[in-house]
Amino acid sequence: MINFNAVYALLLREAKIFLREKERIISILISPLLFLFVMGKGMAEGQSPVPGFTYQQYIFPGIMAMVILFTSITYGLYIIWDKRLDFLKEVLAAPISRATLFFGKSLGGMLGALIETLLLLVIGAFFILPQNPLQVLLCLLAAFPISYMITNMGLTIGARMKSMEGFGLVMSFLTWPLFFFSGALFDLAGAAPYIKVISLFDPVTYCVDLFRIIMLGKGYFTLWTDLGAIALFCLITTALGVAAFGKLQQEK
């Protein structure tokens, strides 16, 4: 059973930690902004697969997914910090379920991703791709399940790792393939067959496509395919995350 008071307490702690690390908020946006303003402007504008939009505007939804991916998955590193600070040991000793702990930590990771998404939306609205209020609202709503899904992935990895160095290696090995095979920088319709096959198993693919439908009005899949795939991956990552936290209890 979920203890919502405990979930709120965990979320409040993670929010305070995130907001204290202002340099982290800025540093996470550096790579996405480089992709947008260097690569996006450096490529010929005529290469946009969607008529009426520049290449920079075309990759903007993919870069939004990139921000959520990097912000959310790196949150798993804080589980290792909590182990070293013995905070996790204290929480595990508390009379709350492991599912409560998992959801509290997951919501904390989602908060950071949503803040980063909002910042990028504001930058994009002024300099890249103007959006109406409904599109902004839909993007933020879409960011909720997407950030939840990817935060779960980071927490699952972090729960199983014993060192920050090991987590960093796994994260680097995982995040860049997830990003590049998602079609964030190109149109999957014209991609090589093996890329299309791999992209079907990449959860970020459906995130990018959902953002493109909202912001550009066109995607590779249908809206319901994207929503269904994201919902499925949310269920899978939740099950894996709760199971990983259960084993974490045994290890402690």
Foldseek 3Di string as FASTA:
>chain_A
DADVVLLVVLLVVLVVVLVVPVVVLVVLCPVLVCCLPPVQVVDAQVQQPAPPFGLSLQLLLLSLLLSLLVQQLCLLLVLLVCVVVVVVVVVLPDPGALLNVLSSSLSSSLVSSLVSSLVSLVVCCVPNANDDPVLSVVLSVLSNLSSSLSNLVNNLLSLPDNDSVVSVVVSVVPSVVLSVLLQSNHAPVPDDPVSVVVNVVRLSNLSSQCNCCSRVVDGPDDNVVSVVSSVVSSVVSSVSSSVSSVVSSVVD
